[in-house]
Protein backbone atom coordinates (compact mmCIF):
# COMPACT_ATOMS: atom_id res chain seq x y z
CA MET A 1 260.90 56.73 323.25
CA ARG A 2 261.51 53.43 325.02
CA ALA A 3 258.12 52.02 325.93
CA VAL A 4 257.30 48.90 327.93
CA VAL A 5 253.84 47.42 327.35
CA ILE A 6 252.95 44.94 330.08
CA GLY A 7 250.31 42.67 328.61
CA GLY A 8 251.31 43.69 325.07
CA CYS A 9 250.15 40.41 323.52
CA GLY A 10 246.61 40.93 324.73
CA PHE A 11 243.63 42.53 323.01
CA ILE A 12 244.14 46.20 323.93
CA GLY A 13 247.87 45.83 324.54
CA SER A 14 248.58 44.57 321.02
CA HIS A 15 246.72 47.51 319.49
CA LEU A 16 248.80 49.85 321.64
CA VAL A 17 251.95 48.11 320.37
CA ASP A 18 250.70 48.70 316.80
CA SER A 19 250.36 52.41 317.50
CA LEU A 20 253.71 52.83 319.26
CA LEU A 21 255.64 50.97 316.55
CA LYS A 22 253.86 52.94 313.83
CA ASP A 23 255.08 56.13 315.50
CA GLY A 24 258.66 54.80 315.43
CA HIS A 25 259.08 54.05 319.12
CA SER A 26 261.13 51.23 320.63
CA VAL A 27 258.77 48.76 322.32
CA LEU A 28 259.37 45.98 324.82
CA ILE A 29 256.45 43.64 325.48
CA VAL A 30 256.29 41.92 328.86
CA ASP A 31 253.71 39.13 328.85
CA ASN A 32 253.35 35.67 330.34
CA LEU A 33 251.13 34.60 327.41
CA SER A 34 248.51 33.13 329.74
CA THR A 35 245.70 35.08 328.09
CA GLY A 36 247.54 37.11 325.44
CA SER A 37 248.32 35.59 322.05
CA LEU A 38 251.33 35.84 319.76
CA THR A 39 248.81 35.95 316.91
CA ASN A 40 247.99 39.50 317.96
CA ILE A 41 251.51 40.75 317.20
CA GLN A 42 252.64 38.38 314.45
CA GLN A 43 252.60 41.25 311.93
CA HIS A 44 255.59 42.79 313.75
CA GLN A 45 257.91 39.77 313.87
CA GLU A 46 260.38 41.43 311.47
CA ASN A 47 260.35 44.78 313.27
CA ASN A 48 263.69 45.46 314.96
CA ASN A 49 262.06 48.02 317.26
CA LEU A 50 260.11 45.26 319.05
CA GLU A 51 261.31 42.88 321.75
CA ILE A 52 259.23 40.36 323.70
CA LEU A 53 260.00 38.94 327.11
CA LYS A 54 258.00 36.15 328.71
CA ILE A 55 257.76 37.23 332.34
CA ASP A 56 255.18 36.45 335.02
CA ILE A 57 254.80 39.77 336.86
CA THR A 58 253.33 38.03 339.91
CA ILE A 59 256.52 36.07 340.70
CA ASP A 60 259.43 37.20 338.49
CA LYS A 61 260.16 40.41 340.39
CA GLU A 62 263.88 40.63 339.61
CA ALA A 63 263.35 39.87 335.92
CA LEU A 64 260.69 42.57 335.86
CA LYS A 65 263.08 45.12 337.35
CA ASP A 66 265.72 44.21 334.78
CA ALA A 67 263.20 44.57 331.97
CA LEU A 68 262.29 48.10 333.05
CA VAL A 69 265.86 49.38 333.37
CA ASP A 70 265.75 51.57 330.26
CA ALA A 71 262.01 52.25 330.21
CA GLU A 72 260.77 55.80 329.75
CA PHE A 73 257.06 54.98 329.50
CA VAL A 74 255.33 52.01 331.13
CA PHE A 75 251.85 50.91 330.09
CA HIS A 76 250.34 48.35 332.46
CA LEU A 77 247.54 46.42 330.75
CA ALA A 78 248.13 42.93 332.15
CA ALA A 79 245.24 41.54 334.20
CA LEU A 80 242.84 38.67 334.64
CA ALA A 81 239.33 39.60 333.52
CA ASP A 82 235.82 38.05 333.67
CA ILE A 83 233.29 38.04 336.47
CA VAL A 84 232.35 34.43 337.24
CA PRO A 85 235.90 33.01 337.35
CA SER A 86 236.86 35.78 339.77
CA VAL A 87 234.04 34.73 342.09
CA GLU A 88 235.15 31.11 341.86
CA ASN A 89 238.85 31.87 342.39
CA PRO A 90 239.33 35.29 344.02
CA GLU A 91 242.86 34.48 345.22
CA LYS A 92 244.04 33.99 341.64
CA TYR A 93 242.61 37.38 340.67
CA PHE A 94 244.12 39.09 343.71
CA LYS A 95 247.53 37.71 342.81
CA ALA A 96 247.32 38.75 339.15
CA ASN A 97 245.63 42.13 339.49
CA VAL A 98 246.90 43.38 342.85
CA VAL A 99 250.20 41.64 343.55
CA GLY A 100 251.16 41.87 339.88
CA THR A 101 250.46 45.62 339.86
CA LEU A 102 252.42 46.08 343.09
CA ASN A 103 255.42 44.30 341.57
CA VAL A 104 255.27 46.49 338.46
CA LEU A 105 255.13 49.64 340.59
CA GLU A 106 258.10 48.50 342.66
CA ALA A 107 260.07 47.83 339.49
CA VAL A 108 259.20 51.33 338.24
CA LYS A 109 260.14 52.86 341.58
CA ALA A 110 263.51 51.10 341.54
CA HIS A 111 264.62 53.08 338.48
CA GLY A 112 263.08 56.46 339.24
CA LYS A 113 263.23 57.85 335.71
CA ILE A 114 259.87 56.91 334.24
CA LYS A 115 258.27 59.79 332.35
CA LYS A 116 254.74 58.36 332.62
CA PHE A 117 253.02 55.27 334.00
CA ILE A 118 249.62 54.44 332.53
CA TYR A 119 247.33 51.95 334.29
CA SER A 120 244.35 50.28 332.61
CA ALA A 121 241.58 50.44 335.18
CA SER A 122 237.99 49.23 334.78
CA SER A 123 234.57 50.85 334.77
CA SER A 124 233.40 47.82 336.76
CA CYS A 125 234.53 49.71 339.86
CA TYR A 126 231.22 51.66 339.70
CA GLY A 127 229.21 48.48 340.28
CA LEU A 128 225.55 49.25 339.65
CA PRO A 129 225.77 52.99 338.96
CA GLU A 130 222.86 55.27 339.76
CA ASN A 131 223.96 58.32 337.77
CA PHE A 132 224.24 58.49 333.96
CA PRO A 133 226.52 59.39 332.42
CA THR A 134 228.75 58.23 335.28
CA LYS A 135 231.46 60.61 336.48
CA GLU A 136 234.85 59.71 337.97
CA THR A 137 233.61 61.16 341.28
CA ASP A 138 230.54 58.91 341.47
CA LEU A 139 230.17 56.11 344.00
CA ILE A 140 232.71 53.28 343.81
CA SER A 141 231.01 49.97 344.57
CA PRO A 142 232.69 46.85 343.10
CA MET A 143 230.28 43.92 342.91
CA TYR A 144 232.70 41.02 342.44
CA PRO A 145 236.41 40.16 342.93
CA TYR A 146 237.49 41.14 339.41
CA ALA A 147 236.12 44.66 339.86
CA LEU A 148 237.52 44.91 343.37
CA THR A 149 241.02 43.78 342.41
CA LYS A 150 241.16 46.19 339.47
CA LYS A 151 240.15 49.04 341.79
CA MET A 152 242.74 47.94 344.34
CA GLY A 153 245.32 48.05 341.56
CA GLU A 154 244.24 51.60 340.73
CA ASP A 155 244.51 52.60 344.40
CA LEU A 156 248.06 51.22 344.50
CA VAL A 157 249.00 53.14 341.35
CA LEU A 158 247.66 56.45 342.68
CA HIS A 159 249.25 55.92 346.09
CA TRP A 160 252.66 55.02 344.65
CA GLY A 161 252.37 57.98 342.32
CA GLU A 162 251.73 60.40 345.16
CA LEU A 163 254.16 58.92 347.70
CA TYR A 164 257.09 58.07 345.43
CA LYS A 165 256.61 60.91 342.93
CA ILE A 166 255.86 58.65 339.96
CA PRO A 167 253.87 60.40 337.19
CA VAL A 168 250.85 58.10 336.93
CA ILE A 169 247.47 58.16 335.21
CA SER A 170 244.67 55.63 335.61
CA LEU A 171 242.21 55.13 332.75
CA ARG A 172 238.87 53.46 333.48
CA PHE A 173 237.87 51.61 330.30
CA PHE A 174 234.20 51.11 329.40
CA ASN A 175 233.33 47.96 327.39
CA VAL A 176 236.17 47.95 324.87
CA PHE A 177 235.55 46.16 321.57
CA GLY A 178 237.32 45.68 318.26
CA PRO A 179 239.46 43.24 316.27
CA ARG A 180 241.37 40.69 318.40
CA SER A 181 238.71 40.66 321.13
CA ARG A 182 239.29 37.56 323.21
CA THR A 183 236.85 34.80 322.25
CA LYS A 184 237.97 32.12 324.70
CA GLY A 185 236.11 31.49 327.94
CA THR A 186 232.43 31.05 328.65
CA TYR A 187 232.11 34.11 330.86
CA GLY A 188 234.07 36.70 328.89
CA ALA A 189 232.94 40.15 327.80
CA VAL A 190 229.83 40.15 325.64
CA PHE A 191 231.72 40.88 322.44
CA GLY A 192 234.11 37.97 322.90
CA VAL A 193 231.27 35.58 323.69
CA PHE A 194 229.22 36.72 320.69
CA LEU A 195 232.18 36.50 318.32
CA ALA A 196 232.96 32.97 319.47
CA GLN A 197 229.31 32.03 318.92
CA LYS A 198 229.25 33.65 315.48
CA LEU A 199 232.43 31.84 314.44
CA ALA A 200 230.89 28.55 315.64
CA GLY A 201 227.60 29.23 313.88
CA LYS A 202 225.66 29.22 317.15
CA ALA A 203 222.89 31.47 318.44
CA PHE A 204 223.81 34.53 320.48
CA THR A 205 223.11 33.99 324.18
CA VAL A 206 221.46 37.23 325.27
CA VAL A 207 221.22 37.79 329.01
CA GLY A 208 217.81 38.96 330.26
CA ASP A 209 215.69 40.81 327.71
CA GLY A 210 218.67 42.31 325.88
CA LYS A 211 217.51 45.87 326.52
CA GLN A 212 220.41 46.53 328.86
CA SER A 213 222.89 48.95 327.32
CA ARG A 214 226.67 49.28 327.33
CA ASP A 215 229.10 52.07 326.55
CA PHE A 216 230.86 50.17 323.76
CA THR A 217 234.19 51.88 323.03
CA PHE A 218 236.29 51.00 319.99
CA VAL A 219 239.79 49.77 320.74
CA THR A 220 241.66 52.28 318.56
CA ASP A 221 239.92 55.11 320.42
CA VAL A 222 241.08 53.56 323.69
CA VAL A 223 244.65 53.37 322.36
CA ASP A 224 244.50 57.03 321.31
CA ALA A 225 243.46 57.90 324.87
CA ILE A 226 246.36 55.90 326.31
CA VAL A 227 248.91 57.55 324.04
CA MET A 228 247.55 61.06 324.58
CA ALA A 229 247.52 60.53 328.35
CA SER A 230 251.16 59.40 328.24
CA LYS A 231 252.16 62.54 326.35
CA SER A 232 250.17 64.91 328.55
CA LYS A 233 251.48 66.88 331.51
CA LYS A 234 248.74 65.47 333.73
CA GLU A 235 249.75 63.34 336.72
CA ASN A 236 247.94 61.38 339.42
CA GLU A 237 244.63 61.65 337.60
CA VAL A 238 241.79 59.23 336.87
CA TYR A 239 239.84 59.42 333.61
CA ASN A 240 236.85 57.58 332.18
CA ILE A 241 237.36 56.25 328.65
CA GLY A 242 234.04 55.75 326.87
CA SER A 243 232.31 56.30 323.54
CA GLY A 244 230.12 59.20 324.59
CA ASN A 245 227.00 57.05 324.14
CA HIS A 246 225.50 53.66 325.01
CA TYR A 247 223.82 50.92 322.98
CA SER A 248 221.54 47.97 323.74
CA ILE A 249 222.61 44.35 323.45
CA LEU A 250 219.71 43.80 321.04
CA ARG A 251 221.16 46.49 318.75
CA LEU A 252 224.53 44.75 318.91
CA VAL A 253 222.98 41.41 317.89
CA GLU A 254 221.09 43.12 315.08
CA LEU A 255 224.35 44.51 313.67
CA LEU A 256 226.24 41.22 314.07
CA GLY A 257 223.41 39.24 312.47
CA GLY A 258 222.27 35.92 313.87
CA GLU A 259 219.75 33.98 315.93
CA ILE A 260 219.13 34.76 319.61
CA GLU A 261 218.83 32.50 322.64
CA PHE A 262 217.69 34.33 325.78
CA ILE A 263 219.18 33.23 329.11
CA PRO A 264 218.39 34.40 332.69
CA LYS A 265 219.85 37.67 333.89
CA ARG A 266 222.87 37.35 336.18
CA PRO A 267 223.06 39.20 339.52
CA GLY A 268 225.56 42.03 339.90
CA GLU A 269 225.47 43.17 336.28
CA PRO A 270 224.34 46.75 335.58
CA ASP A 271 221.42 47.59 333.32
CA CYS A 272 223.46 50.40 331.83
CA THR A 273 227.06 51.56 331.56
CA PHE A 274 227.58 55.06 330.22
CA ALA A 275 230.72 57.10 330.85
CA ASP A 276 230.92 60.81 331.40
CA ILE A 277 234.06 61.64 329.39
CA SER A 278 234.00 65.41 329.89
CA LYS A 279 237.02 65.33 332.22
CA ILE A 280 239.42 63.80 329.68
CA ARG A 281 237.95 65.92 326.88
CA LYS A 282 238.80 69.07 328.81
CA GLY A 283 241.99 67.88 330.50
CA ILE A 284 243.77 66.09 327.68
CA GLY A 285 241.75 66.89 324.57
CA TRP A 286 240.85 63.28 323.74
CA CYS A 287 237.54 62.33 322.17
CA PRO A 288 236.32 59.10 320.51
CA LYS A 289 236.31 58.93 316.71
CA VAL A 290 234.86 55.51 315.76
CA ASP A 291 231.10 55.20 316.22
CA PHE A 292 229.41 51.95 317.20
CA GLU A 293 228.13 50.96 313.76
CA LYS A 294 231.50 51.62 312.09
CA GLY A 295 233.26 49.63 314.80
CA ILE A 296 231.02 46.61 314.20
CA GLU A 297 231.65 46.90 310.46
CA ILE A 298 235.43 46.85 311.04
CA MET A 299 235.12 43.82 313.31
CA LEU A 300 233.08 41.83 310.80
CA GLU A 301 235.60 42.67 308.07
CA ASN A 302 238.35 41.17 310.25
CA ILE A 303 236.45 38.23 311.72
CA ASP A 304 238.41 35.61 309.77
CA ASN A 305 241.57 36.69 311.61
CA TRP A 306 240.30 35.03 314.79
CA ALA A 307 240.87 31.62 313.22
CA SER A 308 244.48 32.32 312.23
CA ALA A 309 247.42 30.58 313.93
CA PRO A 310 250.40 32.41 315.46
CA VAL A 311 253.62 32.58 313.47
CA TRP A 312 255.81 32.92 316.56
CA SER A 313 255.79 30.09 319.05
CA SER A 314 255.79 30.38 322.83
CA LYS A 315 258.98 28.30 322.95
CA ASP A 316 260.71 30.78 320.64
CA ILE A 317 259.77 33.62 322.99
CA GLU A 318 260.98 31.67 326.02
CA ARG A 319 264.31 31.06 324.31
CA GLU A 320 264.68 34.72 323.34
CA THR A 321 263.76 35.81 326.87
CA LYS A 322 266.47 33.60 328.36
CA ALA A 323 269.03 34.94 325.89
CA TRP A 324 268.00 38.52 326.67
CA PHE A 325 268.65 38.11 330.38
CA GLU A 326 271.93 36.30 329.78
CA ALA A 327 273.08 39.24 327.65
CA LEU A 328 271.95 41.63 330.39
CA LYS A 329 274.09 39.80 332.96
CA GLU A 330 277.15 40.11 330.74
CA LYS A 331 276.66 43.89 330.59
């Protein structure tokens, strides 16, 4: 199949690219490289089934439409994450997560032959959930602009799917972790922050008492869910993607190994995230395979990879992108 992975140089996106290429599919990555890294896909630089285009989905609407001309499957994983920066600059997050998603949907609609559109939504839409495990039908209550803009993106996807007859599925990810987790940024997801601190030999900054728990879901399980959803006959559905359990931050620190520095709890963060995954188990047949302890073991085995430098350069990708569009014009 011809698959387009928007945000394919990012953490989850690059693992999806791994899976698609392993299965022999033709893959086009669309990424502006603002948060994604070429390091994440450097192992594929000799693979003729992979192309990369540097496109900003928030402004390059015509280039985006051209890129999706031959697409059969579109996986939209590009987004700005993190809580505090979204509070400080909500307009930036609205542009990336809402306008960017709208532009992708319009590009998909322009061709009308997409077999499946998969959107990466966020469990942050539940805010401070009251029910555990949390179902897809539970209260939606975003607590900050990142969560709100991701939910707005999901609403756009479902609306475009219904109105324009695009086969869409939205997957709400719960606390994804694994190799290539982003370690840059002070306010990133807990895994990224802890990995950066471990690499720097610093103490882990644990928020509150550390007894809060998260539904940590290993990245390859998330990728399996994405692929299975794309192959399924389901359309216009929303599914939680979680591990089937939840684990405390103190347990995470214990497994990572290191000193702890406790810092004050931040408002708007839940004490627990725990997904009810019965809907996707029954509807698509997906279930997680990598347990928490095994996932941590895999991450620690690959921790040296975070210090590696990319083989490809951003300038090389920019040059190839320009050549790609020039060739398209000649056709």
